[in-house]
């Protein structure tokens, strides 16, 4: 298995993985990241000079992804860890941590000072990963993501 940057031909596979995760955890689609414009065009949505999206690939099959880019509606010093979802076959094998580490490294290289994320409380193992790696809970959201289903807001200082 390898982790690499997303390619245009990966778009539909990442969208399917995300959609399946929402179904698996019984998360509402309305008001979620699945309604974001870039979900159907993930490659194109992460082409800014301070953005990157990585995918996990195994023998030509995509099994997950995650990325960082400027937090919509926030200061230029804050990025958002976004759309980190994995197929059940790769969960619990360390790829979440590897993806997380790559994204945080990229955020630092892009000179962000803070990394923000939003999550649903149902995604307990993901939240534990974030907590273990320095993310602190916030009482309210930052920026303007429009993800009204998210009730978990977290921030990590990168400096």
Protein backbone atom coordinates (compact mmCIF):
# COMPACT_ATOMS: atom_id res chain seq x y z
CA UNK A 1 0.00 0.00 0.00
CA UNK A 2 1.17 3.49 -0.79
CA UNK A 3 0.08 7.01 0.08
CA UNK A 4 0.27 9.51 -2.77
CA UNK A 5 -1.28 12.77 -3.92
CA UNK A 6 -4.69 12.56 -5.55
CA UNK A 7 -5.05 12.36 -9.34
CA UNK A 8 -8.10 13.47 -11.39
CA UNK A 9 -9.09 9.86 -12.07
CA UNK A 10 -9.34 9.23 -8.30
CA UNK A 11 -12.28 11.60 -7.81
CA UNK A 12 -15.15 9.12 -8.18
CA UNK A 13 -13.46 6.53 -5.94
CA UNK A 14 -12.89 8.98 -3.08
CA UNK A 15 -16.48 10.21 -3.38
CA UNK A 16 -17.69 6.59 -3.11
CA UNK A 17 -15.54 5.91 -0.02
CA UNK A 18 -16.87 9.06 1.65
CA UNK A 19 -20.48 8.22 0.80
CA UNK A 20 -20.08 4.66 2.09
CA UNK A 21 -18.60 5.92 5.38
CA UNK A 22 -21.59 8.21 5.86
CA UNK A 23 -23.93 5.26 5.28
CA UNK A 24 -21.92 2.95 7.55
CA UNK A 25 -22.00 5.40 10.48
CA UNK A 26 -25.57 6.51 9.70
CA UNK A 27 -24.52 10.15 9.31
CA UNK A 28 -26.90 12.63 7.68
CA UNK A 29 -25.84 13.88 4.27
CA UNK A 30 -27.71 17.16 4.46
CA UNK A 31 -25.45 19.78 6.05
CA UNK A 32 -22.36 17.58 5.74
CA UNK A 33 -19.09 17.65 3.81
CA UNK A 34 -20.70 15.38 1.20
CA UNK A 35 -22.53 18.46 -0.04
CA UNK A 36 -19.28 20.40 -0.57
CA UNK A 37 -18.61 21.47 -4.15
CA UNK A 38 -15.24 19.77 -4.27
CA UNK A 39 -16.45 16.28 -3.29
CA UNK A 40 -17.14 15.37 -6.92
CA UNK A 41 -13.90 17.03 -8.00
CA UNK A 42 -11.53 16.37 -5.11
CA UNK A 43 -8.39 16.63 -7.23
CA UNK A 44 -9.41 20.01 -8.59
CA UNK A 45 -10.55 21.20 -5.16
CA UNK A 46 -7.07 20.72 -3.69
CA UNK A 47 -4.93 22.44 -6.33
CA UNK A 48 -4.26 25.70 -4.47
CA UNK A 49 -0.60 26.28 -3.62
CA UNK A 50 -1.38 25.76 0.09
CA UNK A 51 -3.52 22.64 -0.31
CA UNK A 52 -2.94 18.92 -0.75
CA UNK A 53 -5.07 15.77 -0.73
CA UNK A 54 -3.53 12.32 -0.28
CA UNK A 55 -4.96 8.90 -1.07
CA UNK A 56 -4.15 5.37 0.10
CA UNK A 57 -3.76 3.00 -2.84
CA UNK A 58 -3.34 -0.76 -2.86
CA UNK A 59 -2.66 -2.46 -6.19
CA UNK A 60 -4.66 0.13 -8.10
CA UNK A 61 -7.57 0.33 -5.64
CA UNK A 62 -8.16 3.43 -3.57
CA UNK A 63 -8.93 2.78 0.07
CA UNK A 64 -9.08 6.24 1.60
CA UNK A 65 -7.84 9.78 1.68
CA UNK A 66 -7.38 13.01 3.58
CA UNK A 67 -6.13 16.51 3.00
CA UNK A 68 -5.52 20.04 4.20
CA UNK A 69 -6.31 23.43 2.79
CA UNK A 70 -7.21 26.95 3.87
CA UNK A 71 -10.17 26.99 6.27
CA UNK A 72 -13.02 28.70 4.46
CA UNK A 73 -13.95 31.99 6.15
CA UNK A 74 -10.90 32.06 8.47
CA UNK A 75 -7.59 33.87 8.70
CA UNK A 76 -4.83 32.86 6.27
CA UNK A 77 -2.91 31.22 9.12
CA UNK A 78 -5.55 28.49 9.67
CA UNK A 79 -5.99 25.38 7.56
CA UNK A 80 -8.53 22.62 7.87
CA UNK A 81 -7.87 18.88 7.98
CA UNK A 82 -10.53 17.71 5.55
CA UNK A 83 -12.31 14.70 4.21
CA UNK A 84 -10.27 12.00 5.92
CA UNK A 85 -12.19 8.78 5.32
CA UNK A 86 -11.10 5.17 4.91
CA UNK A 87 -12.51 1.91 3.61
CA UNK A 88 -13.11 -0.57 6.49
CA UNK A 89 -10.34 -2.85 5.12
CA UNK A 90 -7.59 -0.36 6.03
CA UNK A 91 -8.92 0.93 9.34
CA UNK A 92 -6.88 -0.02 12.39
CA UNK A 93 -3.73 -0.60 10.32
CA UNK A 94 -2.04 2.73 10.97
CA UNK A 95 -3.01 4.51 7.77
CA UNK A 96 -5.09 7.10 9.63
CA UNK A 97 -2.03 8.08 11.64
CA UNK A 98 0.22 8.08 8.55
CA UNK A 99 -2.30 10.23 6.66
CA UNK A 100 -2.68 12.54 9.64
CA UNK A 101 1.11 12.94 9.95
CA UNK A 102 1.49 13.72 6.24
CA UNK A 103 -1.30 16.30 6.37
CA UNK A 104 0.14 18.02 9.46
CA UNK A 105 3.61 18.05 7.86
CA UNK A 106 2.15 19.63 4.72
CA UNK A 107 0.24 22.21 6.80
CA UNK A 108 3.48 23.24 8.48
CA UNK A 109 5.28 23.43 5.11
CA UNK A 110 2.45 25.67 3.86
CA UNK A 111 3.19 27.94 6.85
CA UNK A 112 -0.16 27.54 8.56
CA UNK A 113 -0.05 28.29 12.28
CA UNK A 114 -3.22 26.39 13.18
CA UNK A 115 -5.02 23.31 11.92
CA UNK A 116 -8.76 23.05 12.48
CA UNK A 117 -11.12 20.15 11.97
CA UNK A 118 -14.76 19.28 12.34
CA UNK A 119 -16.11 15.82 12.99
CA UNK A 120 -19.23 13.97 13.97
CA UNK A 121 -19.34 12.50 17.47
CA UNK A 122 -20.06 9.06 15.96
CA UNK A 123 -16.50 8.93 14.56
CA UNK A 124 -14.98 8.04 17.91
CA UNK A 125 -11.73 6.43 16.73
CA UNK A 126 -10.93 9.45 14.55
CA UNK A 127 -11.57 11.83 17.44
CA UNK A 128 -9.25 9.77 19.67
CA UNK A 129 -6.52 10.04 17.01
CA UNK A 130 -6.90 13.82 16.92
CA UNK A 131 -6.89 14.14 20.71
CA UNK A 132 -3.80 11.94 20.99
CA UNK A 133 -2.00 14.17 18.51
CA UNK A 134 -2.54 17.54 20.10
CA UNK A 135 -5.95 18.69 18.90
CA UNK A 136 -7.96 20.51 21.56
CA UNK A 137 -11.76 20.68 21.64
CA UNK A 138 -13.47 23.99 20.90
CA UNK A 139 -16.91 25.08 22.07
CA UNK A 140 -17.95 26.42 18.68
CA UNK A 141 -16.93 26.14 15.02
CA UNK A 142 -14.37 28.32 13.28
CA UNK A 143 -14.64 29.61 9.73
CA UNK A 144 -17.60 28.99 7.49
CA UNK A 145 -17.69 25.34 6.40
CA UNK A 146 -21.47 25.00 6.42
CA UNK A 147 -21.22 21.54 7.99
CA UNK A 148 -24.11 21.80 10.42
CA UNK A 149 -24.09 18.06 11.26
CA UNK A 150 -20.68 18.36 12.91
CA UNK A 151 -20.75 18.76 16.66
CA UNK A 152 -17.04 18.24 17.32
CA UNK A 153 -14.71 21.17 16.65
CA UNK A 154 -10.98 20.89 17.28
CA UNK A 155 -7.84 22.99 16.82
CA UNK A 156 -4.13 22.25 16.90
CA UNK A 157 -1.38 24.83 17.11
CA UNK A 158 1.31 23.98 14.56
CA UNK A 159 4.15 26.22 15.73
